[in-house]
Amino acid sequence: MPGNPLGLLRDEVVFEKATGTETAAILANVSGTSLCIVEVGGSFGRDLASRGEDAMTAFALDWLTRLYGSDVKKAVKRKAATNWNKEPYVLGASSAAVPGGQPSRRLLMQSLGGRVWFAGEAAHETLWGTVGGAWESGDRAAAAVLKQLAAADKPAREPPRSKRRRAPRTTVRRAPPPTRRQRPRTGRFGPNSVPYPTRN
């Protein structure tokens, strides 16, 4: 709802203190946008969803009007309804923590032995029950998997070689190499040399 007519904060969740089952919850200003989501659950939600999209949006508008006044209907610019009961992999389920059980979501955010990671709306501490929470949770889990795979690609360090005790070396003395006998060098024009052939 543009202009934030409900005066709620970003990603603020509001539950009605109701006496019957025909109630809902609102997630306002999703991720800082003007999108607000009205969620209905339980047997009432299942029955409402079976009546179709028009019945679902009509209930949401009436419920908001009852809580926030008639001006809310004018503030709604677009509306859509999702029937999660018909989704074969969801079947209308979403996570809900018992009172005081919110910190348990952190357990779902941890891997099992560094080999299995969970992702989805239930594995998000603040955006549970939303596509945004499922998306962020998926990003987090994918980053953790990639980090794990990158670590596995690094070559394993060789274990340090054990220092074995060696037997002490014995020194073997060798005889010095024979020296070359030095011949007397005669110079080019020394006393024993003849520079020019002599005639007899």
N, C-alpha and C. Protein backbone atom coordinates (compact mmCIF):
# COMPACT_ATOMS: atom_id res chain seq x y z
N MET A 1 0.84 -1.17 0.00
CA MET A 1 0.00 0.00 0.00
C MET A 1 0.89 1.24 0.00
N PRO A 2 0.91 1.97 -1.08
CA PRO A 2 1.76 3.16 -1.18
C PRO A 2 1.46 4.18 -0.07
N GLY A 3 2.48 4.82 0.41
CA GLY A 3 2.32 5.84 1.45
C GLY A 3 2.23 5.29 2.85
N ASN A 4 2.31 3.97 3.00
CA ASN A 4 2.28 3.31 4.31
C ASN A 4 1.10 3.80 5.17
N PRO A 5 -0.15 3.63 4.70
CA PRO A 5 -1.31 4.12 5.45
C PRO A 5 -1.51 3.41 6.79
N LEU A 6 -0.92 2.23 6.96
CA LEU A 6 -1.09 1.50 8.22
C LEU A 6 -0.08 1.97 9.28
N GLY A 7 0.95 2.70 8.84
CA GLY A 7 1.96 3.20 9.78
C GLY A 7 2.82 2.10 10.38
N LEU A 8 3.03 1.03 9.62
CA LEU A 8 3.82 -0.08 10.13
C LEU A 8 5.26 -0.01 9.62
N LEU A 9 6.16 -0.69 10.31
CA LEU A 9 7.58 -0.68 9.96
C LEU A 9 7.87 -1.68 8.84
N ARG A 10 9.08 -1.63 8.34
CA ARG A 10 9.54 -2.57 7.32
C ARG A 10 9.49 -3.99 7.90
N ASP A 11 8.89 -4.91 7.16
CA ASP A 11 8.78 -6.33 7.55
C ASP A 11 8.15 -6.53 8.93
N GLU A 12 7.26 -5.63 9.30
CA GLU A 12 6.58 -5.78 10.59
C GLU A 12 5.42 -6.77 10.45
N VAL A 13 5.31 -7.65 11.41
CA VAL A 13 4.24 -8.64 11.42
C VAL A 13 3.23 -8.26 12.50
N VAL A 14 1.93 -8.28 12.13
CA VAL A 14 0.87 -7.94 13.07
C VAL A 14 -0.14 -9.09 13.08
N PHE A 15 -0.43 -9.57 14.29
CA PHE A 15 -1.46 -10.59 14.48
C PHE A 15 -2.65 -9.94 15.18
N GLU A 16 -3.83 -10.31 14.75
CA GLU A 16 -5.03 -9.82 15.41
C GLU A 16 -5.29 -10.67 16.66
N LYS A 17 -5.67 -10.01 17.74
CA LYS A 17 -6.10 -10.75 18.93
C LYS A 17 -7.56 -11.08 18.71
N ALA A 18 -7.78 -12.28 18.19
CA ALA A 18 -9.12 -12.66 17.76
C ALA A 18 -9.74 -13.66 18.72
N THR A 19 -11.07 -13.71 18.69
CA THR A 19 -11.79 -14.67 19.52
C THR A 19 -12.28 -15.86 18.70
N GLY A 20 -12.21 -15.74 17.37
CA GLY A 20 -12.67 -16.83 16.50
C GLY A 20 -11.58 -17.22 15.52
N THR A 21 -11.93 -18.09 14.57
CA THR A 21 -10.96 -18.58 13.59
C THR A 21 -10.86 -17.70 12.35
N GLU A 22 -11.81 -16.80 12.13
CA GLU A 22 -11.78 -15.97 10.94
C GLU A 22 -10.88 -14.76 11.18
N THR A 23 -9.59 -15.02 11.18
CA THR A 23 -8.60 -13.99 11.44
C THR A 23 -7.41 -14.20 10.52
N ALA A 24 -6.47 -13.30 10.60
CA ALA A 24 -5.30 -13.37 9.71
C ALA A 24 -4.12 -12.68 10.39
N ALA A 25 -3.04 -12.61 9.65
CA ALA A 25 -1.85 -11.86 10.08
C ALA A 25 -1.41 -11.04 8.88
N ILE A 26 -0.73 -9.94 9.13
CA ILE A 26 -0.23 -9.13 8.03
C ILE A 26 1.29 -8.96 8.18
N LEU A 27 1.97 -9.12 7.06
CA LEU A 27 3.39 -8.80 6.96
C LEU A 27 3.45 -7.53 6.14
N ALA A 28 3.84 -6.42 6.78
CA ALA A 28 3.76 -5.11 6.13
C ALA A 28 5.09 -4.67 5.55
N ASN A 29 5.01 -3.90 4.47
CA ASN A 29 6.17 -3.25 3.85
C ASN A 29 7.31 -4.24 3.64
N VAL A 30 7.02 -5.31 2.93
CA VAL A 30 7.97 -6.41 2.71
C VAL A 30 9.26 -5.89 2.08
N SER A 31 10.36 -6.14 2.77
CA SER A 31 11.71 -5.75 2.31
C SER A 31 11.79 -4.27 1.96
N GLY A 32 11.02 -3.44 2.67
CA GLY A 32 11.08 -1.99 2.45
C GLY A 32 10.23 -1.49 1.30
N THR A 33 9.41 -2.35 0.71
CA THR A 33 8.53 -1.93 -0.38
C THR A 33 7.15 -1.59 0.19
N SER A 34 6.22 -1.25 -0.68
CA SER A 34 4.85 -0.97 -0.23
C SER A 34 3.98 -2.22 -0.27
N LEU A 35 4.59 -3.39 -0.51
CA LEU A 35 3.85 -4.65 -0.56
C LEU A 35 3.49 -5.10 0.86
N CYS A 36 2.24 -5.47 1.04
CA CYS A 36 1.77 -6.03 2.30
C CYS A 36 1.11 -7.37 2.00
N ILE A 37 1.35 -8.33 2.87
CA ILE A 37 0.82 -9.68 2.67
C ILE A 37 -0.11 -10.02 3.83
N VAL A 38 -1.31 -10.44 3.49
CA VAL A 38 -2.26 -10.91 4.50
C VAL A 38 -2.25 -12.43 4.42
N GLU A 39 -1.98 -13.07 5.55
CA GLU A 39 -1.89 -14.53 5.59
C GLU A 39 -3.03 -15.10 6.43
N VAL A 40 -3.63 -16.15 5.91
CA VAL A 40 -4.72 -16.83 6.59
C VAL A 40 -4.34 -18.31 6.68
N GLY A 41 -4.59 -18.93 7.81
CA GLY A 41 -4.19 -20.33 7.96
C GLY A 41 -5.27 -21.18 8.60
N GLY A 42 -4.88 -22.40 8.88
CA GLY A 42 -5.79 -23.33 9.55
C GLY A 42 -6.94 -23.77 8.67
N SER A 43 -7.95 -24.32 9.33
CA SER A 43 -9.11 -24.82 8.58
C SER A 43 -9.87 -23.67 7.91
N PHE A 44 -9.87 -22.49 8.58
CA PHE A 44 -10.54 -21.34 7.95
C PHE A 44 -9.82 -20.95 6.65
N GLY A 45 -8.50 -20.94 6.69
CA GLY A 45 -7.73 -20.61 5.48
C GLY A 45 -7.95 -21.60 4.36
N ARG A 46 -8.03 -22.88 4.71
CA ARG A 46 -8.27 -23.92 3.70
C ARG A 46 -9.66 -23.73 3.07
N ASP A 47 -10.67 -23.46 3.90
CA ASP A 47 -12.03 -23.26 3.37
C ASP A 47 -12.10 -22.00 2.52
N LEU A 48 -11.44 -20.94 2.97
CA LEU A 48 -11.44 -19.68 2.22
C LEU A 48 -10.77 -19.87 0.86
N ALA A 49 -9.64 -20.57 0.84
CA ALA A 49 -8.92 -20.80 -0.42
C ALA A 49 -9.75 -21.62 -1.40
N SER A 50 -10.56 -22.52 -0.88
CA SER A 50 -11.39 -23.36 -1.77
C SER A 50 -12.47 -22.53 -2.46
N ARG A 51 -12.80 -21.34 -1.92
CA ARG A 51 -13.82 -20.47 -2.53
C ARG A 51 -13.25 -19.58 -3.63
N GLY A 52 -11.94 -19.58 -3.80
CA GLY A 52 -11.34 -18.85 -4.92
C GLY A 52 -10.70 -17.52 -4.56
N GLU A 53 -10.05 -16.94 -5.57
CA GLU A 53 -9.28 -15.71 -5.38
C GLU A 53 -10.14 -14.52 -4.97
N ASP A 54 -11.32 -14.37 -5.57
CA ASP A 54 -12.18 -13.23 -5.22
C ASP A 54 -12.59 -13.27 -3.75
N ALA A 55 -12.91 -14.44 -3.24
CA ALA A 55 -13.30 -14.57 -1.83
C ALA A 55 -12.11 -14.27 -0.92
N MET A 56 -10.92 -14.70 -1.33
CA MET A 56 -9.73 -14.45 -0.50
C MET A 56 -9.40 -12.96 -0.42
N THR A 57 -9.42 -12.28 -1.55
CA THR A 57 -9.10 -10.84 -1.53
C THR A 57 -10.20 -10.04 -0.82
N ALA A 58 -11.44 -10.44 -0.98
CA ALA A 58 -12.55 -9.76 -0.28
C ALA A 58 -12.38 -9.89 1.23
N PHE A 59 -12.02 -11.09 1.71
CA PHE A 59 -11.80 -11.26 3.15
C PHE A 59 -10.65 -10.37 3.62
N ALA A 60 -9.55 -10.33 2.86
CA ALA A 60 -8.38 -9.54 3.28
C ALA A 60 -8.75 -8.06 3.40
N LEU A 61 -9.50 -7.53 2.43
CA LEU A 61 -9.90 -6.12 2.49
C LEU A 61 -10.84 -5.86 3.66
N ASP A 62 -11.78 -6.75 3.88
CA ASP A 62 -12.71 -6.58 5.00
C ASP A 62 -11.97 -6.66 6.35
N TRP A 63 -11.05 -7.58 6.43
CA TRP A 63 -10.28 -7.75 7.67
C TRP A 63 -9.45 -6.50 7.96
N LEU A 64 -8.77 -5.96 6.94
CA LEU A 64 -7.97 -4.75 7.12
C LEU A 64 -8.85 -3.56 7.49
N THR A 65 -10.04 -3.47 6.87
CA THR A 65 -10.98 -2.38 7.17
C THR A 65 -11.44 -2.45 8.62
N ARG A 66 -11.70 -3.66 9.08
CA ARG A 66 -12.13 -3.85 10.47
C ARG A 66 -11.05 -3.39 11.46
N LEU A 67 -9.79 -3.62 11.10
CA LEU A 67 -8.68 -3.26 12.01
C LEU A 67 -8.23 -1.81 11.87
N TYR A 68 -8.19 -1.31 10.63
CA TYR A 68 -7.55 -0.01 10.39
C TYR A 68 -8.49 1.06 9.84
N GLY A 69 -9.75 0.75 9.63
CA GLY A 69 -10.70 1.76 9.14
C GLY A 69 -10.95 1.66 7.64
N SER A 70 -12.00 2.34 7.19
CA SER A 70 -12.46 2.22 5.80
C SER A 70 -11.52 2.84 4.78
N ASP A 71 -10.62 3.74 5.20
CA ASP A 71 -9.69 4.35 4.23
C ASP A 71 -8.69 3.35 3.67
N VAL A 72 -8.52 2.22 4.34
CA VAL A 72 -7.55 1.23 3.88
C VAL A 72 -7.94 0.69 2.51
N LYS A 73 -9.21 0.48 2.27
CA LYS A 73 -9.65 -0.06 0.97
C LYS A 73 -9.23 0.85 -0.17
N LYS A 74 -9.29 2.15 0.06
CA LYS A 74 -8.89 3.10 -0.99
C LYS A 74 -7.38 3.07 -1.22
N ALA A 75 -6.61 2.72 -0.20
CA ALA A 75 -5.15 2.72 -0.31
C ALA A 75 -4.63 1.51 -1.08
N VAL A 76 -5.42 0.45 -1.18
CA VAL A 76 -4.98 -0.76 -1.89
C VAL A 76 -5.06 -0.51 -3.39
N LYS A 77 -3.92 -0.58 -4.08
CA LYS A 77 -3.88 -0.31 -5.51
C LYS A 77 -3.95 -1.59 -6.35
N ARG A 78 -3.30 -2.64 -5.89
CA ARG A 78 -3.32 -3.92 -6.60
C ARG A 78 -3.49 -5.03 -5.59
N LYS A 79 -4.08 -6.12 -6.04
CA LYS A 79 -4.27 -7.26 -5.14
C LYS A 79 -4.13 -8.56 -5.93
N ALA A 80 -3.69 -9.58 -5.23
CA ALA A 80 -3.55 -10.92 -5.81
C ALA A 80 -3.67 -11.92 -4.68
N ALA A 81 -4.04 -13.14 -5.02
CA ALA A 81 -4.17 -14.19 -4.00
C ALA A 81 -3.42 -15.43 -4.49
N THR A 82 -2.83 -16.10 -3.56
CA THR A 82 -2.11 -17.34 -3.86
C THR A 82 -2.75 -18.47 -3.08
N ASN A 83 -3.02 -19.55 -3.77
CA ASN A 83 -3.63 -20.71 -3.12
C ASN A 83 -2.54 -21.78 -2.93
N TRP A 84 -1.84 -21.72 -1.81
CA TRP A 84 -0.75 -22.66 -1.53
C TRP A 84 -1.27 -24.07 -1.32
N ASN A 85 -2.56 -24.23 -1.02
CA ASN A 85 -3.10 -25.58 -0.85
C ASN A 85 -3.03 -26.40 -2.12
N LYS A 86 -3.04 -25.74 -3.27
CA LYS A 86 -3.01 -26.45 -4.55
C LYS A 86 -1.59 -26.72 -5.05
N GLU A 87 -0.58 -26.19 -4.37
CA GLU A 87 0.81 -26.42 -4.77
C GLU A 87 1.22 -27.82 -4.31
N PRO A 88 1.59 -28.71 -5.26
CA PRO A 88 1.84 -30.11 -4.88
C PRO A 88 3.02 -30.31 -3.92
N TYR A 89 4.00 -29.44 -3.94
CA TYR A 89 5.16 -29.62 -3.05
C TYR A 89 5.03 -28.87 -1.74
N VAL A 90 3.95 -28.10 -1.59
CA VAL A 90 3.75 -27.31 -0.39
C VAL A 90 2.52 -27.79 0.37
N LEU A 91 1.42 -27.95 -0.37
CA LEU A 91 0.14 -28.39 0.20
C LEU A 91 -0.32 -27.51 1.36
N GLY A 92 -0.10 -26.20 1.21
CA GLY A 92 -0.61 -25.25 2.18
C GLY A 92 0.24 -25.10 3.43
N ALA A 93 1.38 -25.76 3.50
CA ALA A 93 2.18 -25.72 4.72
C ALA A 93 3.09 -24.50 4.76
N SER A 94 3.27 -23.97 5.93
CA SER A 94 4.31 -22.98 6.19
C SER A 94 4.74 -23.20 7.63
N SER A 95 5.90 -22.66 7.97
CA SER A 95 6.43 -22.94 9.31
C SER A 95 5.84 -21.99 10.33
N ALA A 96 5.75 -22.46 11.54
CA ALA A 96 5.30 -21.64 12.66
C ALA A 96 6.01 -22.14 13.91
N ALA A 97 6.63 -21.23 14.62
CA ALA A 97 7.32 -21.61 15.86
C ALA A 97 6.35 -21.44 17.02
N VAL A 98 6.45 -22.34 17.97
CA VAL A 98 5.64 -22.20 19.17
C VAL A 98 6.13 -20.97 19.93
N PRO A 99 5.31 -20.37 20.80
CA PRO A 99 5.77 -19.21 21.57
C PRO A 99 7.08 -19.52 22.30
N GLY A 100 8.06 -18.68 22.07
CA GLY A 100 9.38 -18.87 22.67
C GLY A 100 10.30 -19.76 21.85
N GLY A 101 9.78 -20.33 20.77
CA GLY A 101 10.59 -21.25 19.96
C GLY A 101 11.28 -20.62 18.78
N GLN A 102 11.16 -19.31 18.63
CA GLN A 102 11.77 -18.60 17.50
C GLN A 102 13.27 -18.89 17.36
N PRO A 103 14.05 -18.94 18.44
CA PRO A 103 15.49 -19.22 18.28
C PRO A 103 15.79 -20.58 17.65
N SER A 104 14.82 -21.47 17.63
CA SER A 104 15.04 -22.79 17.02
C SER A 104 15.28 -22.70 15.52
N ARG A 105 14.87 -21.61 14.91
CA ARG A 105 15.11 -21.45 13.46
C ARG A 105 16.60 -21.44 13.16
N ARG A 106 17.40 -21.01 14.13
CA ARG A 106 18.86 -21.02 13.92
C ARG A 106 19.38 -22.44 13.71
N LEU A 107 18.72 -23.42 14.32
CA LEU A 107 19.14 -24.81 14.13
C LEU A 107 18.95 -25.24 12.68
N LEU A 108 17.88 -24.76 12.04
CA LEU A 108 17.64 -25.09 10.64
C LEU A 108 18.65 -24.41 9.72
N MET A 109 19.27 -23.35 10.20
CA MET A 109 20.24 -22.62 9.38
C MET A 109 21.62 -23.27 9.41
N GLN A 110 21.83 -24.23 10.28
CA GLN A 110 23.13 -24.90 10.39
C GLN A 110 23.14 -26.15 9.51
N SER A 111 24.32 -26.49 9.03
CA SER A 111 24.42 -27.70 8.19
C SER A 111 24.49 -28.93 9.08
N LEU A 112 24.17 -30.06 8.47
CA LEU A 112 24.31 -31.34 9.17
C LEU A 112 25.64 -31.94 8.73
N GLY A 113 26.61 -31.85 9.59
CA GLY A 113 27.91 -32.45 9.30
C GLY A 113 28.62 -31.87 8.10
N GLY A 114 28.28 -30.65 7.71
CA GLY A 114 28.93 -30.04 6.55
C GLY A 114 28.58 -30.71 5.24
N ARG A 115 27.49 -31.49 5.22
CA ARG A 115 27.11 -32.21 4.00
C ARG A 115 25.67 -31.94 3.56
N VAL A 116 24.80 -31.50 4.49
CA VAL A 116 23.40 -31.24 4.17
C VAL A 116 23.05 -29.85 4.69
N TRP A 117 22.47 -29.00 3.82
CA TRP A 117 22.05 -27.66 4.21
C TRP A 117 20.56 -27.53 3.95
N PHE A 118 19.87 -26.82 4.82
CA PHE A 118 18.45 -26.58 4.65
C PHE A 118 18.24 -25.15 4.18
N ALA A 119 17.24 -24.97 3.32
CA ALA A 119 16.88 -23.64 2.86
C ALA A 119 15.37 -23.59 2.73
N GLY A 120 14.83 -22.41 2.87
CA GLY A 120 13.39 -22.22 2.75
C GLY A 120 12.92 -21.21 3.78
N GLU A 121 11.65 -20.90 3.70
CA GLU A 121 11.12 -19.87 4.59
C GLU A 121 11.28 -20.23 6.05
N ALA A 122 11.26 -21.50 6.39
CA ALA A 122 11.39 -21.92 7.79
C ALA A 122 12.79 -21.70 8.33
N ALA A 123 13.77 -21.59 7.42
CA ALA A 123 15.17 -21.42 7.83
C ALA A 123 15.59 -19.95 7.77
N HIS A 124 14.67 -19.06 8.05
CA HIS A 124 14.97 -17.62 8.11
C HIS A 124 14.42 -17.09 9.43
N GLU A 125 15.21 -16.33 10.15
CA GLU A 125 14.80 -15.89 11.49
C GLU A 125 13.69 -14.85 11.49
N THR A 126 13.69 -13.96 10.49
CA THR A 126 12.71 -12.87 10.54
C THR A 126 11.69 -12.94 9.41
N LEU A 127 12.03 -13.51 8.27
CA LEU A 127 11.10 -13.53 7.12
C LEU A 127 10.50 -14.92 6.90
N TRP A 128 10.26 -15.64 8.00
CA TRP A 128 9.63 -16.95 7.87
C TRP A 128 8.25 -16.80 7.25
N GLY A 129 7.85 -17.83 6.54
CA GLY A 129 6.52 -17.81 5.92
C GLY A 129 6.44 -16.94 4.69
N THR A 130 7.58 -16.45 4.16
CA THR A 130 7.55 -15.57 3.00
C THR A 130 8.48 -16.08 1.91
N VAL A 131 8.18 -15.68 0.68
CA VAL A 131 9.06 -16.02 -0.44
C VAL A 131 10.41 -15.33 -0.26
N GLY A 132 10.37 -14.08 0.26
CA GLY A 132 11.62 -13.36 0.49
C GLY A 132 12.53 -14.10 1.47
N GLY A 133 11.93 -14.65 2.53
CA GLY A 133 12.72 -15.42 3.49
C GLY A 133 13.28 -16.68 2.88
N ALA A 134 12.47 -17.34 2.04
CA ALA A 134 12.95 -18.55 1.36
C ALA A 134 14.10 -18.21 0.42
N TRP A 135 13.98 -17.09 -0.29
CA TRP A 135 15.02 -16.67 -1.24
C TRP A 135 16.33 -16.38 -0.52
N GLU A 136 16.25 -15.56 0.53
CA GLU A 136 17.48 -15.21 1.27
C GLU A 136 18.10 -16.45 1.91
N SER A 137 17.27 -17.34 2.40
CA SER A 137 17.75 -18.57 2.99
C SER A 137 18.45 -19.43 1.94
N GLY A 138 17.89 -19.48 0.74
CA GLY A 138 18.52 -20.23 -0.36
C GLY A 138 19.86 -19.64 -0.75
N ASP A 139 19.94 -18.30 -0.80
CA ASP A 139 21.22 -17.64 -1.09
C ASP A 139 22.27 -18.01 -0.04
N ARG A 140 21.86 -17.98 1.22
CA ARG A 140 22.78 -18.28 2.32
C ARG A 140 23.28 -19.72 2.23
N ALA A 141 22.35 -20.65 2.00
CA ALA A 141 22.74 -22.06 1.92
C ALA A 141 23.63 -22.33 0.71
N ALA A 142 23.31 -21.71 -0.43
CA ALA A 142 24.13 -21.90 -1.63
C ALA A 142 25.55 -21.37 -1.41
N ALA A 143 25.67 -20.21 -0.74
CA ALA A 143 27.00 -19.66 -0.46
C ALA A 143 27.80 -20.60 0.44
N ALA A 144 27.13 -21.21 1.41
CA ALA A 144 27.81 -22.15 2.32
C ALA A 144 28.27 -23.39 1.57
N VAL A 145 27.44 -23.89 0.65
CA VAL A 145 27.82 -25.07 -0.15
C VAL A 145 29.01 -24.75 -1.04
N LEU A 146 28.98 -23.59 -1.71
CA LEU A 146 30.09 -23.20 -2.58
C LEU A 146 31.38 -23.04 -1.79
N LYS A 147 31.28 -22.49 -0.60
CA LYS A 147 32.46 -22.34 0.24
C LYS A 147 33.03 -23.72 0.61
N GLN A 148 32.14 -24.65 0.92
CA GLN A 148 32.57 -26.01 1.26
C GLN A 148 33.23 -26.68 0.06
N LEU A 149 32.65 -26.52 -1.12
CA LEU A 149 33.21 -27.13 -2.33
C LEU A 149 34.56 -26.52 -2.69
N ALA A 150 34.69 -25.21 -2.50
CA ALA A 150 35.96 -24.55 -2.79
C ALA A 150 37.05 -25.07 -1.87
N ALA A 151 36.69 -25.31 -0.62
CA ALA A 151 37.68 -25.84 0.34
C ALA A 151 38.07 -27.26 -0.05
N ALA A 152 37.14 -28.03 -0.61
CA ALA A 152 37.43 -29.41 -1.01
C ALA A 152 38.33 -29.46 -2.24
N ASP A 153 38.28 -28.41 -3.09
CA ASP A 153 39.11 -28.38 -4.29
C ASP A 153 40.58 -28.09 -3.98
N LYS A 154 40.86 -27.50 -2.85
CA LYS A 154 42.25 -27.18 -2.52
C LYS A 154 43.01 -28.48 -2.27
N PRO A 155 44.26 -28.55 -2.79
CA PRO A 155 45.01 -29.79 -2.55
C PRO A 155 45.29 -29.97 -1.07
N ALA A 156 45.20 -31.20 -0.66
CA ALA A 156 45.44 -31.50 0.75
C ALA A 156 46.91 -31.28 1.06
N ARG A 157 47.17 -30.73 2.21
CA ARG A 157 48.56 -30.52 2.61
C ARG A 157 49.17 -31.86 2.97
N GLU A 158 50.41 -32.04 2.53
CA GLU A 158 51.09 -33.28 2.87
C GLU A 158 51.39 -33.28 4.35
N PRO A 159 51.18 -34.43 4.98
CA PRO A 159 51.51 -34.48 6.41
C PRO A 159 53.02 -34.32 6.59
N PRO A 160 53.42 -33.68 7.66
CA PRO A 160 54.87 -33.51 7.86
C PRO A 160 55.54 -34.87 7.99
N ARG A 161 56.69 -34.96 7.37
CA ARG A 161 57.43 -36.22 7.42
C ARG A 161 57.98 -36.44 8.82
N SER A 162 57.87 -37.67 9.25
CA SER A 162 58.38 -37.96 10.58
C SER A 162 59.91 -37.95 10.54
N LYS A 163 60.48 -37.40 11.56
CA LYS A 163 61.94 -37.34 11.62
C LYS A 163 62.43 -38.64 12.21
N ARG A 164 63.05 -39.43 11.34
CA ARG A 164 63.58 -40.70 11.81
C ARG A 164 64.98 -40.49 12.35
N ARG A 165 65.28 -41.25 13.32
CA ARG A 165 66.64 -41.18 13.85
C ARG A 165 67.54 -42.00 12.95
N ARG A 166 68.57 -41.36 12.49
CA ARG A 166 69.52 -42.04 11.63
C ARG A 166 70.72 -42.50 12.44
N ALA A 167 71.32 -43.55 11.96
CA ALA A 167 72.54 -44.02 12.62
C ALA A 167 73.62 -42.97 12.40
N PRO A 168 74.47 -42.77 13.37
CA PRO A 168 75.53 -41.78 13.19
C PRO A 168 76.41 -42.15 12.01
N ARG A 169 76.81 -41.14 11.27
CA ARG A 169 77.68 -41.37 10.11
C ARG A 169 79.11 -41.65 10.57
N THR A 170 79.72 -42.56 9.89
CA THR A 170 81.14 -42.79 10.18
C THR A 170 81.94 -42.11 9.10
N THR A 171 83.02 -41.50 9.50
CA THR A 171 83.84 -40.77 8.54
C THR A 171 84.89 -41.73 7.98
N VAL A 172 84.90 -41.82 6.69
CA VAL A 172 85.90 -42.66 6.02
C VAL A 172 86.95 -41.72 5.45
N ARG A 173 88.18 -41.96 5.86
CA ARG A 173 89.26 -41.11 5.34
C ARG A 173 89.84 -41.76 4.12
N ARG A 174 89.90 -40.99 3.11
CA ARG A 174 90.47 -41.50 1.87
C ARG A 174 91.89 -40.97 1.72
N ALA A 175 92.63 -41.72 1.00
CA ALA A 175 94.00 -41.26 0.71
C ALA A 175 93.91 -40.08 -0.22
N PRO A 176 94.81 -39.10 -0.05
CA PRO A 176 94.76 -37.95 -0.97
C PRO A 176 95.04 -38.39 -2.39
N PRO A 177 94.44 -37.70 -3.33
CA PRO A 177 94.67 -38.09 -4.73
C PRO A 177 96.15 -37.90 -5.09
N PRO A 178 96.64 -38.75 -5.96
CA PRO A 178 98.05 -38.60 -6.32
C PRO A 178 98.29 -37.27 -6.99
N THR A 179 99.43 -36.68 -6.68
CA THR A 179 99.76 -35.40 -7.28
C THR A 179 100.45 -35.63 -8.59
N ARG A 180 100.25 -34.77 -9.52
CA ARG A 180 100.92 -34.90 -10.82
C ARG A 180 102.37 -34.51 -10.66
N ARG A 181 103.14 -35.26 -11.29
CA ARG A 181 104.54 -34.92 -11.25
C ARG A 181 104.75 -33.68 -12.08
N GLN A 182 105.38 -32.75 -11.53
CA GLN A 182 105.56 -31.51 -12.26
C GLN A 182 106.80 -31.61 -13.12
N ARG A 183 106.62 -31.36 -14.39
CA ARG A 183 107.76 -31.35 -15.30
C ARG A 183 108.32 -29.95 -15.34
N PRO A 184 109.56 -29.86 -15.52
CA PRO A 184 110.14 -28.52 -15.65
C PRO A 184 109.67 -27.89 -16.94
N ARG A 185 109.23 -26.71 -16.84
CA ARG A 185 108.77 -25.99 -18.02
C ARG A 185 109.95 -25.30 -18.65
N THR A 186 110.00 -25.47 -19.85
CA THR A 186 111.09 -24.76 -20.54
C THR A 186 110.49 -23.57 -21.23
N GLY A 187 111.14 -22.50 -21.18
CA GLY A 187 110.64 -21.31 -21.82
C GLY A 187 110.85 -21.40 -23.31
N ARG A 188 110.29 -20.47 -23.99
CA ARG A 188 110.36 -20.47 -25.43
C ARG A 188 111.80 -20.25 -25.94
N PHE A 189 112.39 -19.38 -25.30
CA PHE A 189 113.79 -19.13 -25.71
C PHE A 189 114.73 -19.37 -24.56
N GLY A 190 114.42 -20.38 -23.85
CA GLY A 190 115.29 -20.70 -22.73
C GLY A 190 116.61 -21.30 -23.19
N PRO A 191 117.43 -21.65 -22.21
CA PRO A 191 118.76 -22.16 -22.57
C PRO A 191 118.73 -23.47 -23.32
N ASN A 192 117.70 -24.27 -23.16
CA ASN A 192 117.64 -25.55 -23.84
C ASN A 192 116.86 -25.48 -25.15
N SER A 193 116.31 -24.37 -25.47
CA SER A 193 115.52 -24.28 -26.68
C SER A 193 116.32 -23.67 -27.80
N VAL A 194 115.92 -24.07 -28.97
CA VAL A 194 116.62 -23.55 -30.14
C VAL A 194 115.57 -22.85 -30.98
N PRO A 195 115.69 -21.52 -31.09
CA PRO A 195 114.67 -20.81 -31.82
C PRO A 195 114.67 -21.06 -33.31
N TYR A 196 115.79 -21.28 -33.86
CA TYR A 196 115.85 -21.46 -35.30
C TYR A 196 116.60 -22.76 -35.58
N PRO A 197 116.21 -23.38 -36.60
CA PRO A 197 116.95 -24.60 -36.92
C PRO A 197 118.40 -24.23 -37.26
N THR A 198 119.27 -25.02 -36.80
CA THR A 198 120.69 -24.78 -37.06
C THR A 198 121.15 -25.66 -38.18
N ARG A 199 122.08 -25.11 -38.95
CA ARG A 199 122.62 -25.90 -40.04
C ARG A 199 123.91 -26.56 -39.58
N ASN A 200 124.11 -27.67 -40.10
CA ASN A 200 125.36 -28.34 -39.79
C ASN A 200 126.34 -28.09 -40.86
